[in-house]
Structures are given as structure tokens and as C-alpha cells.
Protein backbone atom coordinates (compact mmCIF):
# COMPACT_ATOMS: atom_id res chain seq x y z
CA UNK A 1 -0.01 0.05 -0.07
CA UNK A 2 1.51 3.27 -0.90
CA UNK A 3 1.42 6.49 1.13
CA UNK A 4 -1.09 8.23 -0.88
CA UNK A 5 -3.65 5.81 0.23
CA UNK A 6 -2.84 6.06 3.83
CA UNK A 7 -2.06 9.59 4.07
CA UNK A 8 -3.52 12.45 1.95
CA UNK A 9 -1.37 15.45 1.60
CA UNK A 10 -3.29 18.57 0.71
CA UNK A 11 -1.57 21.59 -0.85
CA UNK A 12 -4.12 24.37 -0.33
CA UNK A 13 -6.85 26.43 -1.91
CA UNK A 14 -9.93 24.91 -3.57
CA UNK A 15 -13.38 26.28 -4.68
CA UNK A 16 -16.06 27.22 -2.11
CA UNK A 17 -18.40 29.99 -3.29
CA UNK A 18 -19.97 31.40 -0.05
CA UNK A 19 -23.52 32.40 -0.17
CA UNK A 20 -25.71 33.44 2.84
CA UNK A 21 -28.86 31.37 2.85
CA UNK A 22 -31.98 33.31 2.22
CA UNK A 23 -34.08 32.12 5.09
CA UNK A 24 -33.44 33.01 8.65
CA UNK A 25 -30.01 34.39 7.82
CA UNK A 26 -28.23 31.05 8.64
CA UNK A 27 -24.51 31.39 8.09
CA UNK A 28 -21.84 29.09 6.54
CA UNK A 29 -18.22 29.55 7.68
CA UNK A 30 -16.65 31.09 4.57
CA UNK A 31 -13.96 33.31 3.21
CA UNK A 32 -13.28 34.64 -0.41
CA UNK A 33 -10.31 34.51 -2.75
CA UNK A 34 -7.82 37.32 -2.01
CA UNK A 35 -7.63 40.08 -4.36
CA UNK A 36 -10.30 38.72 -6.68
CA UNK A 37 -8.20 35.48 -7.36
CA UNK A 38 -9.92 32.73 -9.16
CA UNK A 39 -11.32 30.10 -6.93
CA UNK A 40 -9.60 26.73 -7.29
CA UNK A 41 -6.16 28.06 -8.16
CA UNK A 42 -3.67 25.62 -6.67
CA UNK A 43 -6.55 23.18 -5.66
CA UNK A 44 -5.47 19.95 -3.80
CA UNK A 45 -4.63 17.20 -6.17
CA UNK A 46 -6.79 13.85 -6.23
CA UNK A 47 -5.24 10.74 -5.04
CA UNK A 48 -5.74 7.04 -5.96
CA UNK A 49 -8.94 5.36 -4.65
CA UNK A 50 -8.40 3.01 -1.46
CA UNK A 51 -10.67 -0.02 -1.42
CA UNK A 52 -9.88 -0.16 2.33
CA UNK A 53 -10.82 3.56 2.89
CA UNK A 54 -13.39 4.36 0.34
CA UNK A 55 -14.07 7.92 1.62
CA UNK A 56 -10.46 8.97 1.59
CA UNK A 57 -9.64 11.49 -1.11
CA UNK A 58 -10.40 14.95 -2.52
CA UNK A 59 -13.93 15.45 -3.67
CA UNK A 60 -15.53 18.24 -5.78
CA UNK A 61 -19.16 18.88 -5.61
CA UNK A 62 -22.17 21.03 -4.73
CA UNK A 63 -23.66 22.13 -1.49
CA UNK A 64 -27.29 23.09 -2.07
CA UNK A 65 -29.36 25.33 0.52
CA UNK A 66 -31.33 27.72 -1.66
CA UNK A 67 -28.99 27.64 -4.50
CA UNK A 68 -26.00 25.51 -5.59
CA UNK A 69 -22.70 26.34 -3.96
CA UNK A 70 -19.61 24.70 -5.41
CA UNK A 71 -17.53 22.96 -2.68
CA UNK A 72 -14.23 20.91 -2.32
CA UNK A 73 -13.96 18.50 0.57
CA UNK A 74 -11.02 16.49 1.69
CA UNK A 75 -11.17 13.33 3.67
CA UNK A 76 -8.09 11.47 5.08
CA UNK A 77 -7.39 8.51 7.45
CA UNK A 78 -7.13 10.00 10.91
CA UNK A 79 -5.29 7.45 13.09
CA UNK A 80 -2.56 4.83 12.87
CA UNK A 81 -5.14 1.96 12.96
CA UNK A 82 -6.58 3.59 9.75
CA UNK A 83 -10.18 3.11 11.02
CA UNK A 84 -11.05 6.86 11.49
CA UNK A 85 -11.68 9.52 9.10
CA UNK A 86 -10.73 13.29 9.40
CA UNK A 87 -11.56 16.05 6.91
CA UNK A 88 -12.00 19.51 6.09
CA UNK A 89 -13.64 21.99 3.55
CA UNK A 90 -11.25 24.15 1.76
CA UNK A 91 -11.98 27.79 1.10
CA UNK A 92 -10.67 29.79 -1.98
CA UNK A 93 -8.11 31.73 0.17
CA UNK A 94 -6.57 28.40 1.51
CA UNK A 95 -8.48 28.54 4.72
CA UNK A 96 -9.95 25.31 6.03
CA UNK A 97 -13.09 24.61 7.89
CA UNK A 98 -12.50 21.22 9.89
CA UNK A 99 -14.78 18.48 9.94
CA UNK A 100 -15.57 17.47 13.65
CA UNK A 101 -16.55 14.01 14.98
CA UNK A 102 -16.38 12.33 11.71
CA UNK A 103 -17.74 8.77 11.98
CA UNK A 104 -18.64 5.91 9.55
CA UNK A 105 -21.35 3.57 10.63
CA UNK A 106 -23.11 1.07 8.43
CA UNK A 107 -21.74 2.71 5.32
CA UNK A 108 -22.92 6.17 6.31
CA UNK A 109 -20.33 8.98 6.92
CA UNK A 110 -21.43 11.67 9.48
CA UNK A 111 -19.44 14.80 10.44
CA UNK A 112 -20.06 18.30 12.04
CA UNK A 113 -18.68 21.66 10.74
CA UNK A 114 -18.94 24.71 12.96
CA UNK A 115 -21.14 27.52 11.74
CA UNK A 116 -19.82 31.02 11.77
CA UNK A 117 -22.98 32.24 13.31
CA UNK A 118 -23.10 29.62 16.12
CA UNK A 119 -24.29 26.03 15.96
CA UNK A 120 -22.98 23.20 13.70
CA UNK A 121 -23.90 21.98 10.17
CA UNK A 122 -24.25 18.19 10.49
CA UNK A 123 -23.65 16.29 7.33
CA UNK A 124 -24.71 12.63 6.67
CA UNK A 125 -23.68 11.11 3.50
CA UNK A 126 -23.10 7.70 1.75
CA UNK A 127 -21.47 6.43 -1.23
CA UNK A 128 -23.70 6.13 -4.23
CA UNK A 129 -20.91 4.73 -6.41
CA UNK A 130 -17.24 4.19 -5.66
CA UNK A 131 -16.71 7.76 -6.75
CA UNK A 132 -19.65 9.65 -5.50
CA UNK A 133 -21.23 10.76 -2.38
CA UNK A 134 -24.59 12.17 -1.68
CA UNK A 135 -26.24 13.28 1.50
CA UNK A 136 -28.06 15.84 3.54
CA UNK A 137 -27.11 18.67 5.93
CA UNK A 138 -28.84 20.30 8.75
CA UNK A 139 -27.94 23.32 11.04
CA UNK A 140 -28.16 22.21 14.65
CA UNK A 141 -27.71 24.16 17.90
CA UNK A 142 -28.22 27.54 16.20
CA UNK A 143 -28.86 30.19 18.68
CA UNK A 144 -30.83 32.53 16.32
CA UNK A 145 -33.40 29.96 15.47
CA UNK A 146 -36.74 31.32 16.45
CA UNK A 147 -38.94 29.19 18.83
CA UNK A 148 -40.97 26.65 16.74
CA UNK A 149 -39.17 27.29 13.51
CA UNK A 150 -37.40 24.54 11.68
CA UNK A 151 -33.60 24.59 11.25
CA UNK A 152 -32.10 25.16 7.79
CA UNK A 153 -31.55 21.97 5.73
CA UNK A 154 -29.93 21.19 2.49
CA UNK A 155 -28.28 18.48 0.38
CA UNK A 156 -24.85 17.87 -1.02
CA UNK A 157 -23.27 15.75 -3.68
CA UNK A 158 -19.53 15.00 -4.21
CA UNK A 159 -17.57 13.26 -6.98
CA UNK A 160 -14.03 11.99 -6.35
CA UNK A 161 -11.30 14.14 -7.93
CA UNK A 162 -9.14 11.98 -10.22
CA UNK A 163 -5.56 11.10 -9.16
CA UNK A 164 -3.35 13.98 -10.11
CA UNK A 165 -6.14 16.26 -11.28
């Protein structure tokens, strides 16, 4: 097994276009490309697929709340036993929003990402094919949520970035 399947090295910068959702002013942790630089410049390179760790890799996709938002997410193997994943979302300026409490149970990956306005986005996804992930996201513990209102929800879909691409 080569090192790229057990440890994913990420260079920096990928595309995440930040948009504030229209309802309830829910926020997504975000940043913009410096000086108008094009998103995706110097984006992380894809790595070979690992049969043992099917979620490991660099993934391009779309986060959908009220409109499509391009996103790049990176998942790696988190511990020496190679049984736990870690990950992050990459912003255009190279900033990273870490994925917290990442677990895989019965083929379903789940993680949290801190929201800039409080609370957490909770992602739940599964492999649709060996090279695609689909799932849902919900904002939990959001302090601005009015009593009796439902929290913002959305979907996401990701496609594995090809090795070297």
C-alpha cells in the first residue's frame, strides 16, 4: 500500500463560493479569494482510490441550500489504525473549515462543521458509487433559530477528484 492511500497530503486552496442562505440568515463559515483571485487556483490534487478507505480522497461537488454552492472537501485517514476519518472543507483563500466528530457507521459517513453564526452543520452522506457521495445537511444548535421554527436543511453531492487532477 503506498503512502497516498494512507495519508492524503493537501496543498491548499479550492473552490467554495460562499452564499448566505436566504431564510433565517443562517450562516456558513466562509471566506473569499484574496484580491479577486480565481477560486480553485492551486487546488488539492486527487489521489488514488483506496478500497480499504473508500471515503479517503479529494472530492468536488455542490452544497445546496437555496442555490448551488460549489464545494471541495478532503477526507483522510485520521489514526494509525486507519479506522477513523478526518476531513475539512477548503476555502478559496486556502482557509480550512475542519470536519468534527467524523464517523462511518453501516456505510454512512457523518460529521459536523462549525457554523460562523453559532451551531453546527451536521452532514450525513453515503457512497452512491465508488466515486460519488450524496447526502443531507442540517444546522443544529443554532442560537438565532426562532422558537417553533425548523432549522435550515440542504443536500450535497460530491465526486471524487481523479488522481493528479
